[in-house]
Every structure is written in structure tokens, then in C-alpha cells.
Amino acid sequence: MTSPPWPQLSHWAHTADTDEMLVVCRSHVRFLPDALRRIAAGMRAVAPAALVFGDHEYVQRGRLCLSARTAFDRHVRSDYAIAAPFLAFNVRWLAEQGIGLVNPEAPSWTSLLADLLGHVPECSAVHLPLPVVRVEDAQPPSHPALDRSGALPSHLDMEEAGNSLPMIEGADIAVIIPTRDGYPYLRAAVDTAMAALQACRRRGRIVIIDNQSAQPATCDYLHAVADTELHGVRLEVWRYDHPFNYARMHNWAVAQLREPLLLLLNDDVEASQSGLATPTTCWLAWMLAQMRDPRVAAVGAQLRYPNGTVQHAGVVLGLGIDHIAGHVGVGLDPGNDRLAMAGLGRPRAVSAVTAACLLTRRESFEQVGGFESEGLPVAFNDVDYCLRLRASGYDVVMEPRAVLTHHESLTRGQDHDPVKRARFEGECAFMKRRWGRALLEDPFYSPHYAIDTADLSLRAQPDGRAVAARVANRAQPLD
């Protein structure tokens, strides 16, 4: 593929039967038995399917391993052109779209594939969650482990880090931090937000929503910082004298804000000094960079426990004991090979992210009606919000290079208070009623992974029903 036979391929592209497939594969790839039939079946399962891709096996240190792909993700689309062992294009679809299979000016297959992939909508790509090929050169997947520092690679300049964003140039940011007697974590969270806004040279304000704090330390701090300003960032304290309702509290605050960007931040989230020092290491710069894409309406950050292990690397539907949604990778060390195998070290589209640190557009927030305050006052309102964004055509992106510490307890477990438990069960029932089958299989999570644990363990046996549902339902929008 380094020296493609352009004339021969051009002739084939113009004379091929429109029912044919163009299967592009790398060297050192061996198709597994019945692979082409399964690829063709996947292409027929969704109409029109423009592209079919699948998982692959490879041998590492004498052990047969599985590289499990997820749903087609335009945010890491270049990975498919650069690293995918094979891609199968539907010739009929390409012809109907008027897309030429061959660009004589393309310098390589990589650039040609990148161009073709740029025309493929997410709903027209089918993922076969089965090993289709074996890569014989024993190379591990090209997904690096989660970065420990959160620092930008040296080849990225400040503009790529998010300092100069053409589509939202100069956009102000409103940071919303709810609290009830959260001092001293609250102070660290405010300092984190203030330093990030200054590092990214952004104007805005930090709004602390005080939900009936009573402890002297918290009250003294709120009194001291209320209505102050530093380097163009105003700090305000808004009193919310109503029973705790996370969703309603945020809807109430957003209704009074006019900044185009909203950063939701828990009062127990903070960044290390290395994550604040300069625009090229600031966690907020990474998140802002994702907002350059107008299709992106929400961006989440990688959160870690104080002991350094992962607390949030994205939300997976159906994960956990209640099978609604859960954080993936919880408790794993950031350098764990499982995180790298799953591609969790790269920015990627996800079904949802946690609102403990969530950057979103105020326009999008208002368009979908904000958080669900009646059915989801405390739990899952961030998941529901992200799903409604996706159902409205927006993307939700996980940015793992934005690294912060979340002081949520690693061993908190379930809340056994009868009232809270009843509320939680009601929220679970609400999510099941609203989203139904969408909670049964997450398009961004391979069915090869177990769904009852967050540690990316492989299933003992592939779930045949999940595999069939993935192929049959991949292109269907959320209900």
C-alpha cells in the first residue's frame, strides 16, 4: 500500500459492479475463516452501510490478544485510517454519494483513506464486534496508555491547546460550583477554576451556589470571596435556600447566566499545580480545544482519586449493578494496559460523561431543556443530559488529557439510607422508562468487555445476543 497501483485501481473503481466491496487491508494481516462473508453480512445489516470495520487478534509475548474496537468515532477517525488492520467500503454507497474511490493527488493510502472516512457519517458505519483478522507482525495496538502528567506534547502549540479558538474566540465562561459546607475542598476547587481561566486567558465568572451552608469555616470563606474580582474573573455567591436537587439547582443558575460556555465543577475537584502552570498544560485548555468542533456540545475530564487511580474515564451505559450507567476504569492505575487496549488514552466520543467536571454550551443546555429535575433530582441527570444531547445530533467527548483529582471516596459504596435508596430506585426506573433499549448496549463500549465490572475485564464467553444486537442496531438513533 505504500506504492498503490493508481491506474489499475482507478479502472476497477469505474467498472466495478456496484454490489462489490472495496476491502483495504494492511500487510501482515490474515483474514480469519469466513471473515469476508461476515463483513458482507454486516454491510447488508444496515442500509446504507458505507463502511464496515471490526476487531482483530494479535500475538504479544506468545499470547493471543484481542483488540476490541468500539463504535465508529469521528473524533478518532484518523486512527482508523492510520492503524486499522482493514476497512471495507460499500462501492454502491460511494457511487451514490458521488465520491471517487481514488484521488490521483493523494500521496499515500493513509491520506486516501482519511479523505474517504471524512465522507462517512457515523450512522452509516457498522462495527463487527468480532475478531475478523489476525495481525501477524505481533505489534500491540497503537493506543498509548493514559498520560500521567496531562501535559501537551511539544509539537502542539498554544493555539492547538485551546488558547485561540476560532469558533468561540473570546467566549466567556461561567463556572458553576454547588456546595453545602464544602470548605476546605471548596477553596481548592475555586482556586483551580480561577487559575485555569487565567491560564487560558478567558474572561468569565465563578458562581458558587450555596445550598444552605451552616458551618462557620464555609460561611466565613463565602463571605470573604463574594463579589470579588481578579484578572477579569468575577467571583459570586448565590444562595439557594431549597432542598438539595442537583438538577434544579443548576437549571436555576444557568437561567440567570449569559456566558456562552458553562463549566460545571464539583466542590471536591481540584487540579495539581502541573495542570495549571501554563496554557500548554492547563486541563481547561484541553477541554476548550474540543469545543472548536461545532458538533461537540459537552466535554468531560479524566478524574482520579487522591491515590492516583482512575475515578472517571467516561460513562458506559448498562455498566454496574443497577445496569443504568457507570464510570469505566474505576480504580485502575492510569498506566494499566487495559486502559490502553480500550483506547481510553485518546480523546473520543462517549455516550456520557460525569458532571463533576463538565464543559458544555449554554445554547445546547437550553436547547435540550437542561437537567431533568423531576425524575432525576440527584443521580443520572448528567447521563440523561448527555444522551439528550446525542439524540439532538450533538457529540459528547471524553478528554483524558484534562486530568483532575476528585476527592469522592474510593470506598463509598452504596447508600443504605431508606429514603435515599428509594429515591435512587426511582431514578433508575425513570432512566429505564425514558431510554429503554439504549441502556442495553453502549455503542462506544465493546461487547467483549464484561458489563458487571468497570475494570475492563473481558467476558468469559462473547455475549452472542449483544453481538447480534450491535450489528442489527448500530445505525439506529436513540429513541
Protein backbone atom coordinates (compact mmCIF):
# COMPACT_ATOMS: atom_id res chain seq x y z
CA MET A 1 0.00 0.00 0.00
CA THR A 2 2.99 2.31 0.11
CA SER A 3 3.03 2.38 -3.69
CA PRO A 4 -0.62 1.88 -4.69
CA PRO A 5 -1.35 0.90 -8.31
CA TRP A 6 -3.42 4.01 -9.02
CA PRO A 7 -4.20 3.29 -12.71
CA GLN A 8 -5.41 -0.27 -12.06
CA LEU A 9 -7.49 0.77 -9.06
CA SER A 10 -8.95 3.73 -10.92
CA HIS A 11 -10.03 1.42 -13.74
CA TRP A 12 -11.62 -1.02 -11.27
CA ALA A 13 -13.41 1.79 -9.40
CA HIS A 14 -15.11 2.94 -12.58
CA THR A 15 -16.04 -0.52 -13.89
CA ALA A 16 -16.85 -2.43 -10.69
CA ASP A 17 -20.28 -3.83 -10.06
CA THR A 18 -21.99 -1.56 -7.52
CA ASP A 19 -22.70 -4.54 -5.27
CA GLU A 20 -19.00 -5.06 -4.69
CA MET A 21 -16.95 -4.08 -1.65
CA LEU A 22 -13.57 -2.41 -1.56
CA VAL A 23 -11.70 -4.07 1.31
CA VAL A 24 -8.48 -2.28 2.19
CA CYS A 25 -6.11 -4.19 4.46
CA ARG A 26 -2.63 -3.76 5.85
CA SER A 27 0.29 -6.03 5.20
CA HIS A 28 0.86 -8.83 7.72
CA VAL A 29 -2.92 -9.26 8.06
CA ARG A 30 -4.58 -12.67 7.76
CA PHE A 31 -8.35 -12.85 7.38
CA LEU A 32 -9.94 -15.33 9.76
CA PRO A 33 -12.24 -18.07 8.39
CA ASP A 34 -15.50 -16.76 6.96
CA ALA A 35 -14.37 -13.15 7.53
CA LEU A 36 -15.45 -11.77 4.15
CA ARG A 37 -18.89 -13.35 4.44
CA ARG A 38 -19.33 -11.77 7.87
CA ILE A 39 -18.17 -8.41 6.53
CA ALA A 40 -20.71 -8.62 3.70
CA ALA A 41 -23.46 -9.60 6.15
CA GLY A 42 -22.60 -6.60 8.31
CA MET A 43 -22.80 -4.34 5.30
CA ARG A 44 -26.28 -5.67 4.46
CA ALA A 45 -27.47 -5.36 8.07
CA VAL A 46 -27.66 -1.57 7.88
CA ALA A 47 -28.83 0.34 4.81
CA PRO A 48 -27.00 2.21 3.56
CA ALA A 49 -23.84 0.96 5.23
CA ALA A 50 -20.91 2.91 3.84
CA LEU A 51 -18.22 1.27 5.93
CA VAL A 52 -17.65 -1.96 7.86
CA PHE A 53 -14.81 -2.43 10.33
CA GLY A 54 -14.12 -5.00 13.03
CA ASP A 55 -11.92 -6.23 15.83
CA HIS A 56 -8.63 -8.01 15.35
CA GLU A 57 -6.41 -10.54 17.09
CA TYR A 58 -2.68 -10.20 17.54
CA VAL A 59 0.06 -12.13 19.29
CA GLN A 60 2.00 -10.40 22.04
CA ARG A 61 4.70 -12.16 24.06
CA GLY A 62 3.41 -15.52 22.82
CA ARG A 63 -0.16 -14.82 23.94
CA LEU A 64 -3.16 -14.34 21.65
CA CYS A 65 -4.76 -10.98 22.45
CA LEU A 66 -7.89 -9.16 21.30
CA SER A 67 -8.05 -5.53 20.23
CA ALA A 68 -11.67 -4.54 20.75
CA ARG A 69 -12.91 -1.61 18.70
CA THR A 70 -15.91 0.48 19.63
CA ALA A 71 -18.46 2.33 17.53
CA PHE A 72 -17.22 4.38 14.60
CA ASP A 73 -16.00 7.59 16.18
CA ARG A 74 -15.26 10.60 14.02
CA HIS A 75 -13.23 12.13 16.85
CA VAL A 76 -10.60 9.43 16.45
CA ARG A 77 -11.35 8.79 12.79
CA SER A 78 -7.70 9.27 11.83
CA ASP A 79 -6.89 6.21 13.92
CA TYR A 80 -8.93 4.06 11.55
CA ALA A 81 -7.02 5.36 8.55
CA ILE A 82 -3.63 5.02 10.20
CA ALA A 83 -3.94 1.95 12.42
CA ALA A 84 -6.93 -0.15 11.37
CA PRO A 85 -5.92 -3.58 10.00
CA PHE A 86 -8.75 -3.44 7.47
CA LEU A 87 -11.64 -1.30 6.28
CA ALA A 88 -14.45 -2.37 3.93
CA PHE A 89 -16.15 0.30 1.83
CA ASN A 90 -19.52 -0.12 0.11
CA VAL A 91 -18.98 0.70 -3.56
CA ARG A 92 -22.69 1.35 -4.17
CA TRP A 93 -22.85 3.89 -1.35
CA LEU A 94 -19.73 5.67 -2.57
CA ALA A 95 -21.13 5.80 -6.12
CA GLU A 96 -24.50 7.14 -4.94
CA GLN A 97 -22.74 9.85 -2.95
CA GLY A 98 -20.62 10.77 -5.94
CA ILE A 99 -17.43 10.05 -4.04
CA GLY A 100 -14.50 8.95 -6.14
CA LEU A 101 -12.61 5.96 -4.78
CA VAL A 102 -9.28 7.22 -6.00
CA ASN A 103 -7.69 10.63 -5.67
CA PRO A 104 -4.71 10.76 -8.03
CA GLU A 105 -3.22 13.56 -5.93
CA ALA A 106 -3.31 11.55 -2.71
CA PRO A 107 0.30 10.86 -1.70
CA SER A 108 -0.48 7.62 0.13
CA TRP A 109 -3.15 5.16 1.17
CA THR A 110 -3.26 6.85 4.57
CA SER A 111 -4.28 10.19 3.10
CA LEU A 112 -6.70 8.49 0.69
CA LEU A 113 -8.42 6.60 3.50
CA ALA A 114 -8.56 9.72 5.66
CA ASP A 115 -10.30 11.51 2.80
CA LEU A 116 -12.80 8.68 2.29
CA LEU A 117 -13.52 8.45 6.01
CA GLY A 118 -14.27 12.14 6.07
CA HIS A 119 -17.40 11.45 3.99
CA VAL A 120 -18.74 8.62 6.17
CA PRO A 121 -21.42 9.64 8.68
CA GLU A 122 -21.40 7.84 11.99
CA CYS A 123 -24.77 6.19 11.35
CA SER A 124 -23.51 4.59 8.13
CA ALA A 125 -20.57 2.72 9.69
CA VAL A 126 -21.01 -0.79 11.06
CA HIS A 127 -18.76 -2.25 13.74
CA LEU A 128 -18.44 -6.04 13.76
CA PRO A 129 -17.71 -6.78 17.43
CA LEU A 130 -15.89 -9.98 16.50
CA PRO A 131 -12.29 -10.77 15.57
CA VAL A 132 -12.19 -10.55 11.78
CA VAL A 133 -8.45 -10.56 11.08
CA ARG A 134 -5.24 -11.58 12.79
CA VAL A 135 -2.31 -9.19 12.72
CA GLU A 136 0.76 -11.37 12.31
CA ASP A 137 3.51 -8.84 13.00
CA ALA A 138 2.92 -9.05 16.77
CA GLN A 139 2.59 -5.30 17.19
CA PRO A 140 0.47 -4.06 20.11
CA PRO A 141 -2.42 -1.66 19.47
CA SER A 142 -1.43 1.90 18.70
CA HIS A 143 -3.30 3.29 21.70
CA PRO A 144 -0.93 4.77 24.31
CA ALA A 145 -1.65 4.43 27.99
CA LEU A 146 -3.32 7.30 29.79
CA ASP A 147 -0.85 10.12 30.20
CA ARG A 148 0.21 10.68 33.81
CA SER A 149 1.07 14.36 33.60
CA GLY A 150 -1.68 15.78 31.40
CA ALA A 151 0.95 17.86 29.59
CA LEU A 152 0.58 18.65 25.90
CA PRO A 153 3.10 17.07 23.51
CA SER A 154 5.73 19.57 22.50
CA HIS A 155 4.64 19.61 18.84
CA LEU A 156 1.29 21.13 19.78
CA ASP A 157 1.34 24.90 20.11
CA MET A 158 -0.83 27.09 22.30
CA GLU A 159 -3.50 27.51 19.64
CA GLU A 160 -3.99 23.75 19.44
CA ALA A 161 -4.19 23.69 23.22
CA GLY A 162 -7.29 25.86 23.03
CA ASN A 163 -5.94 29.37 23.60
CA SER A 164 -7.20 30.69 20.28
CA LEU A 165 -10.47 29.06 19.31
CA PRO A 166 -11.79 30.44 16.01
CA MET A 167 -15.42 29.45 16.52
CA ILE A 168 -15.66 30.63 20.13
CA GLU A 169 -12.93 33.25 20.14
CA GLY A 170 -13.08 35.31 23.30
CA ALA A 171 -16.04 33.34 24.62
CA ASP A 172 -16.62 33.96 28.30
CA ILE A 173 -17.00 31.02 30.66
CA ALA A 174 -19.29 30.72 33.66
CA VAL A 175 -18.06 28.21 36.23
CA ILE A 176 -20.80 26.76 38.45
CA ILE A 177 -19.73 25.20 41.76
CA PRO A 178 -22.51 23.98 44.09
CA THR A 179 -21.64 23.47 47.76
CA ARG A 180 -23.01 22.82 51.18
CA ASP A 181 -20.40 23.20 53.91
CA GLY A 182 -17.69 22.12 51.47
CA TYR A 183 -14.74 24.02 52.94
CA PRO A 184 -11.74 23.43 52.57
CA TYR A 185 -12.23 21.40 49.36
CA LEU A 186 -14.38 24.25 48.07
CA ARG A 187 -11.48 26.66 48.31
CA ALA A 188 -9.26 24.32 46.28
CA ALA A 189 -11.98 23.96 43.62
CA VAL A 190 -12.38 27.74 43.32
CA ASP A 191 -8.62 28.22 43.10
CA THR A 192 -8.50 25.52 40.41
CA ALA A 193 -11.18 27.25 38.32
CA MET A 194 -9.65 30.70 38.81
CA ALA A 195 -6.16 29.56 37.81
CA ALA A 196 -7.49 27.70 34.75
CA LEU A 197 -9.41 30.71 33.45
CA GLN A 198 -6.33 32.88 33.89
CA ALA A 199 -4.02 30.32 32.25
CA CYS A 200 -6.34 30.12 29.24
CA ARG A 201 -6.76 33.90 29.22
CA ARG A 202 -10.52 33.66 29.46
CA ARG A 203 -12.88 36.16 30.98
CA GLY A 204 -15.83 34.92 32.97
CA ARG A 205 -17.16 34.40 36.43
CA ILE A 206 -17.24 31.74 39.06
CA VAL A 207 -20.64 31.24 40.66
CA ILE A 208 -20.74 29.35 43.95
CA ILE A 209 -24.23 28.04 44.65
CA ASP A 210 -24.52 27.92 48.43
CA ASN A 211 -27.12 25.32 49.34
CA GLN A 212 -27.74 26.30 52.98
CA SER A 213 -24.20 26.08 54.36
CA ALA A 214 -24.06 26.44 58.15
CA GLN A 215 -20.52 25.61 59.27
CA PRO A 216 -18.52 28.71 60.29
CA ALA A 217 -15.48 27.92 58.13
CA THR A 218 -17.55 27.65 54.97
CA CYS A 219 -19.67 30.70 55.78
CA ASP A 220 -16.58 32.82 56.53
CA TYR A 221 -14.98 31.80 53.26
CA LEU A 222 -18.13 32.54 51.23
CA HIS A 223 -18.43 35.96 52.88
CA ALA A 224 -14.79 36.75 52.10
CA VAL A 225 -14.89 35.87 48.39
CA ALA A 226 -18.38 37.11 47.47
CA ASP A 227 -18.42 39.84 44.82
CA THR A 228 -14.66 39.93 44.33
CA GLU A 229 -12.77 40.10 41.04
CA LEU A 230 -9.29 39.04 39.97
CA HIS A 231 -7.79 39.39 36.46
CA GLY A 232 -11.18 39.78 34.81
CA VAL A 233 -12.77 36.83 36.64
CA ARG A 234 -15.62 37.74 38.96
CA LEU A 235 -16.50 35.51 41.92
CA GLU A 236 -20.13 35.49 43.07
CA VAL A 237 -22.01 33.59 45.77
CA TRP A 238 -25.66 32.76 45.12
CA ARG A 239 -27.79 31.48 47.95
CA TYR A 240 -30.09 28.55 47.15
CA ASP A 241 -32.44 28.06 50.11
CA HIS A 242 -34.29 24.97 48.93
CA PRO A 243 -33.91 21.20 49.49
CA PHE A 244 -30.98 19.72 47.61
CA ASN A 245 -31.82 18.97 43.99
CA TYR A 246 -28.69 18.94 41.85
CA ALA A 247 -30.58 19.23 38.57
CA ARG A 248 -32.94 22.03 39.63
CA MET A 249 -30.11 23.96 41.27
CA HIS A 250 -28.11 24.04 38.05
CA ASN A 251 -31.13 24.87 35.88
CA TRP A 252 -31.87 27.79 38.22
CA ALA A 253 -28.31 29.09 37.91
CA VAL A 254 -28.00 28.67 34.13
CA ALA A 255 -31.24 30.59 33.60
CA GLN A 256 -29.53 33.65 35.10
CA LEU A 257 -26.27 33.33 33.16
CA ARG A 258 -25.40 34.72 29.75
CA GLU A 259 -21.90 33.34 29.17
CA PRO A 260 -21.80 31.08 26.06
CA LEU A 261 -19.78 28.36 27.81
CA LEU A 262 -20.60 26.66 31.10
CA LEU A 263 -18.16 24.70 33.24
CA LEU A 264 -19.86 22.54 35.88
CA LEU A 265 -17.43 21.70 38.68
CA ASN A 266 -17.96 19.78 41.91
CA ASP A 267 -16.69 21.43 45.07
CA ASP A 268 -14.34 18.50 45.75
CA VAL A 269 -12.49 18.59 42.40
CA GLU A 270 -9.07 20.18 42.04
CA ALA A 271 -6.08 20.19 39.69
CA SER A 272 -2.43 19.70 40.56
CA GLN A 273 -0.03 22.57 40.04
CA SER A 274 1.33 20.85 36.92
CA GLY A 275 -2.16 21.04 35.45
CA LEU A 276 -2.39 24.79 35.97
CA ALA A 277 1.03 26.23 35.29
CA THR A 278 0.79 27.27 31.64
CA PRO A 279 -1.73 27.22 28.77
CA THR A 280 0.04 24.18 27.33
CA THR A 281 -0.50 22.13 30.49
CA CYS A 282 -3.84 23.50 31.66
CA TRP A 283 -6.62 20.93 31.85
CA LEU A 284 -9.20 23.50 30.71
CA ALA A 285 -7.22 24.22 27.53
CA TRP A 286 -7.59 20.58 26.50
CA MET A 287 -11.34 20.75 27.03
CA LEU A 288 -11.70 24.04 25.20
CA ALA A 289 -9.80 22.62 22.24
CA GLN A 290 -12.54 20.01 21.75
CA MET A 291 -15.13 22.78 21.59
CA ARG A 292 -13.66 24.02 18.30
CA ASP A 293 -15.84 21.38 16.66
CA PRO A 294 -19.38 22.83 16.49
CA ARG A 295 -20.83 19.31 16.77
CA VAL A 296 -19.37 18.92 20.27
CA ALA A 297 -21.76 20.10 22.97
CA ALA A 298 -20.19 18.55 26.07
CA VAL A 299 -16.66 17.62 27.13
CA GLY A 300 -15.68 15.60 30.20
CA ALA A 301 -12.34 15.30 32.01
CA GLN A 302 -10.35 12.40 33.40
CA LEU A 303 -10.82 12.34 37.17
CA ARG A 304 -8.60 10.48 39.58
CA TYR A 305 -8.88 9.55 43.22
CA PRO A 306 -6.36 11.15 45.60
CA ASN A 307 -4.36 7.90 45.46
CA GLY A 308 -3.85 8.44 41.72
CA THR A 309 -6.13 5.71 40.39
CA VAL A 310 -8.89 6.37 37.86
CA GLN A 311 -12.27 7.58 39.11
CA HIS A 312 -13.76 8.65 35.76
CA ALA A 313 -12.59 7.95 32.21
CA GLY A 314 -16.03 8.14 30.61
CA VAL A 315 -19.50 6.76 31.29
CA VAL A 316 -20.66 3.44 29.86
CA LEU A 317 -24.36 2.64 29.51
CA GLY A 318 -25.54 -0.52 31.26
CA LEU A 319 -22.43 -0.71 33.44
CA GLY A 320 -22.73 -1.53 37.14
CA ILE A 321 -25.03 -3.38 39.47
CA ASP A 322 -28.10 -1.34 38.51
CA HIS A 323 -27.31 -1.63 34.77
CA ILE A 324 -28.09 2.02 34.07
CA ALA A 325 -24.67 3.61 33.62
CA GLY A 326 -21.32 3.68 35.35
CA HIS A 327 -17.79 5.01 35.16
CA VAL A 328 -15.32 2.83 33.26
CA GLY A 329 -11.83 2.05 34.55
CA VAL A 330 -12.64 2.84 38.17
CA GLY A 331 -9.75 2.01 40.50
CA LEU A 332 -7.25 1.15 37.75
CA ASP A 333 -3.80 2.66 37.64
CA PRO A 334 -3.51 5.17 34.76
CA GLY A 335 -0.74 3.07 33.22
CA ASN A 336 -2.79 -0.13 33.18
CA ASP A 337 -2.62 -1.96 29.84
CA ARG A 338 -6.40 -2.46 29.84
CA LEU A 339 -6.95 1.28 29.54
CA ALA A 340 -4.58 1.44 26.59
CA MET A 341 -6.19 -1.60 24.91
CA ALA A 342 -9.61 0.05 25.14
CA GLY A 343 -8.29 3.30 23.67
CA LEU A 344 -9.15 5.29 26.80
CA GLY A 345 -5.98 7.35 26.50
CA ARG A 346 -7.25 9.26 23.45
CA PRO A 347 -9.97 11.89 23.12
CA ARG A 348 -13.04 10.04 21.93
CA ALA A 349 -16.79 10.23 21.65
CA VAL A 350 -18.69 8.61 24.51
CA SER A 351 -22.30 8.12 25.48
CA ALA A 352 -21.93 10.34 28.55
CA VAL A 353 -19.52 11.97 30.98
CA THR A 354 -19.87 12.96 34.62
CA ALA A 355 -20.97 16.48 35.56
CA ALA A 356 -18.33 16.56 38.31
CA CYS A 357 -16.28 18.36 35.64
CA LEU A 358 -18.29 19.10 32.50
CA LEU A 359 -17.77 21.81 29.89
CA THR A 360 -20.87 22.50 27.81
CA ARG A 361 -22.51 25.17 25.70
CA ARG A 362 -25.26 27.25 27.29
CA GLU A 363 -27.14 27.24 23.97
CA SER A 364 -27.13 23.43 23.88
CA PHE A 365 -28.07 23.23 27.55
CA GLU A 366 -31.12 25.42 26.94
CA GLN A 367 -32.00 23.68 23.67
CA VAL A 368 -32.47 20.27 25.33
CA GLY A 369 -34.13 21.72 28.43
CA GLY A 370 -31.23 21.48 30.87
CA PHE A 371 -31.12 18.78 33.51
CA GLU A 372 -34.13 16.59 34.32
CA SER A 373 -35.10 17.93 37.76
CA GLU A 374 -38.31 15.97 38.40
CA GLY A 375 -37.34 12.40 37.55
CA LEU A 376 -33.59 12.72 38.21
CA PRO A 377 -33.02 15.17 41.07
CA VAL A 378 -29.65 13.68 42.13
CA ALA A 379 -28.43 10.65 40.15
CA PHE A 380 -28.05 10.13 36.38
CA ASN A 381 -29.12 13.66 35.41
CA ASP A 382 -25.72 14.17 33.76
CA VAL A 383 -26.06 10.88 31.85
CA ASP A 384 -29.58 11.78 30.75
CA TYR A 385 -28.39 15.23 29.67
CA CYS A 386 -25.62 13.76 27.54
CA LEU A 387 -27.97 11.24 25.95
CA ARG A 388 -30.41 14.01 25.04
CA LEU A 389 -27.54 15.98 23.52
CA ARG A 390 -26.59 12.97 21.40
CA ALA A 391 -30.22 12.39 20.43
CA SER A 392 -30.28 16.01 19.22
CA GLY A 393 -27.32 15.41 16.93
CA TYR A 394 -24.52 16.66 19.17
CA ASP A 395 -21.39 14.82 20.26
CA VAL A 396 -20.18 14.18 23.79
CA VAL A 397 -16.41 13.89 24.06
CA MET A 398 -14.15 12.46 26.76
CA GLU A 399 -10.84 14.38 27.03
CA PRO A 400 -8.47 12.18 29.08
CA ARG A 401 -5.61 14.68 28.91
CA ALA A 402 -7.57 17.04 31.16
CA VAL A 403 -6.59 15.45 34.48
CA LEU A 404 -8.01 16.49 37.86
CA THR A 405 -8.35 14.96 41.31
CA HIS A 406 -11.79 14.11 42.65
CA HIS A 407 -11.97 13.61 46.39
CA GLU A 408 -15.00 11.35 46.16
CA SER A 409 -14.41 8.34 48.41
CA LEU A 410 -12.96 5.28 46.69
CA THR A 411 -14.78 3.00 49.15
CA ARG A 412 -18.03 4.95 49.46
CA GLY A 413 -20.21 2.06 48.29
CA GLN A 414 -23.99 2.18 48.13
CA ASP A 415 -26.08 4.44 50.31
CA HIS A 416 -28.30 2.31 52.55
CA ASP A 417 -30.42 5.18 53.89
CA PRO A 418 -34.01 4.03 53.12
CA VAL A 419 -35.15 7.43 51.83
CA LYS A 420 -32.11 7.92 49.60
CA ARG A 421 -32.29 4.34 48.39
CA ALA A 422 -35.95 4.77 47.43
CA ARG A 423 -35.09 7.96 45.56
CA PHE A 424 -32.27 6.19 43.73
CA GLU A 425 -34.50 3.29 42.74
CA GLY A 426 -36.99 5.81 41.37
CA GLU A 427 -34.24 7.44 39.32
CA CYS A 428 -33.22 4.04 37.94
CA ALA A 429 -36.81 3.34 36.95
CA PHE A 430 -37.05 6.76 35.28
CA MET A 431 -33.93 6.11 33.19
CA LYS A 432 -35.24 2.73 32.07
CA ARG A 433 -38.59 4.23 31.06
CA ARG A 434 -37.03 7.09 29.15
CA TRP A 435 -34.17 5.32 27.40
CA GLY A 436 -35.25 1.68 27.23
CA ARG A 437 -33.07 -0.43 24.95
CA ALA A 438 -30.50 2.37 24.58
CA LEU A 439 -29.24 1.30 28.01
CA LEU A 440 -28.80 -2.30 26.92
CA GLU A 441 -25.72 -1.77 24.76
CA ASP A 442 -23.38 1.18 24.61
CA PRO A 443 -22.18 1.79 21.02
CA PHE A 444 -18.85 3.07 22.35
CA TYR A 445 -18.16 0.01 24.53
CA SER A 446 -17.22 -3.35 23.06
CA PRO A 447 -19.45 -6.33 23.97
CA HIS A 448 -16.21 -8.22 24.57
CA TYR A 449 -15.94 -6.39 27.90
CA ALA A 450 -17.88 -7.55 30.96
CA ILE A 451 -20.78 -5.27 31.85
CA ASP A 452 -20.93 -6.10 35.57
CA THR A 453 -17.49 -4.66 36.36
CA ALA A 454 -15.75 -1.40 35.48
CA ASP A 455 -12.20 -2.82 35.25
CA LEU A 456 -12.35 -3.67 31.52
CA SER A 457 -12.27 -7.40 32.12
CA LEU A 458 -13.09 -9.49 29.05
CA ARG A 459 -16.17 -11.66 29.12
CA ALA A 460 -15.51 -15.34 29.71
CA GLN A 461 -17.59 -16.00 26.59
CA PRO A 462 -18.73 -13.48 23.97
CA ASP A 463 -22.31 -12.37 24.50
CA GLY A 464 -23.99 -13.63 21.33
CA ARG A 465 -27.11 -11.55 21.88
CA ALA A 466 -25.06 -8.39 22.41
CA VAL A 467 -23.07 -9.08 19.26
CA ALA A 468 -26.24 -9.62 17.22
CA ALA A 469 -27.87 -6.51 18.65
CA ARG A 470 -24.77 -4.44 17.93
CA VAL A 471 -24.78 -5.42 14.25
CA ALA A 472 -28.55 -5.03 13.86
CA ASN A 473 -28.99 -1.78 15.81
CA ARG A 474 -25.70 0.03 15.28
CA ALA A 475 -27.11 2.70 12.96
CA GLN A 476 -30.41 3.26 14.72
CA PRO A 477 -30.71 6.60 16.55
CA LEU A 478 -31.65 6.76 20.20
CA ASP A 479 -35.38 6.55 20.80
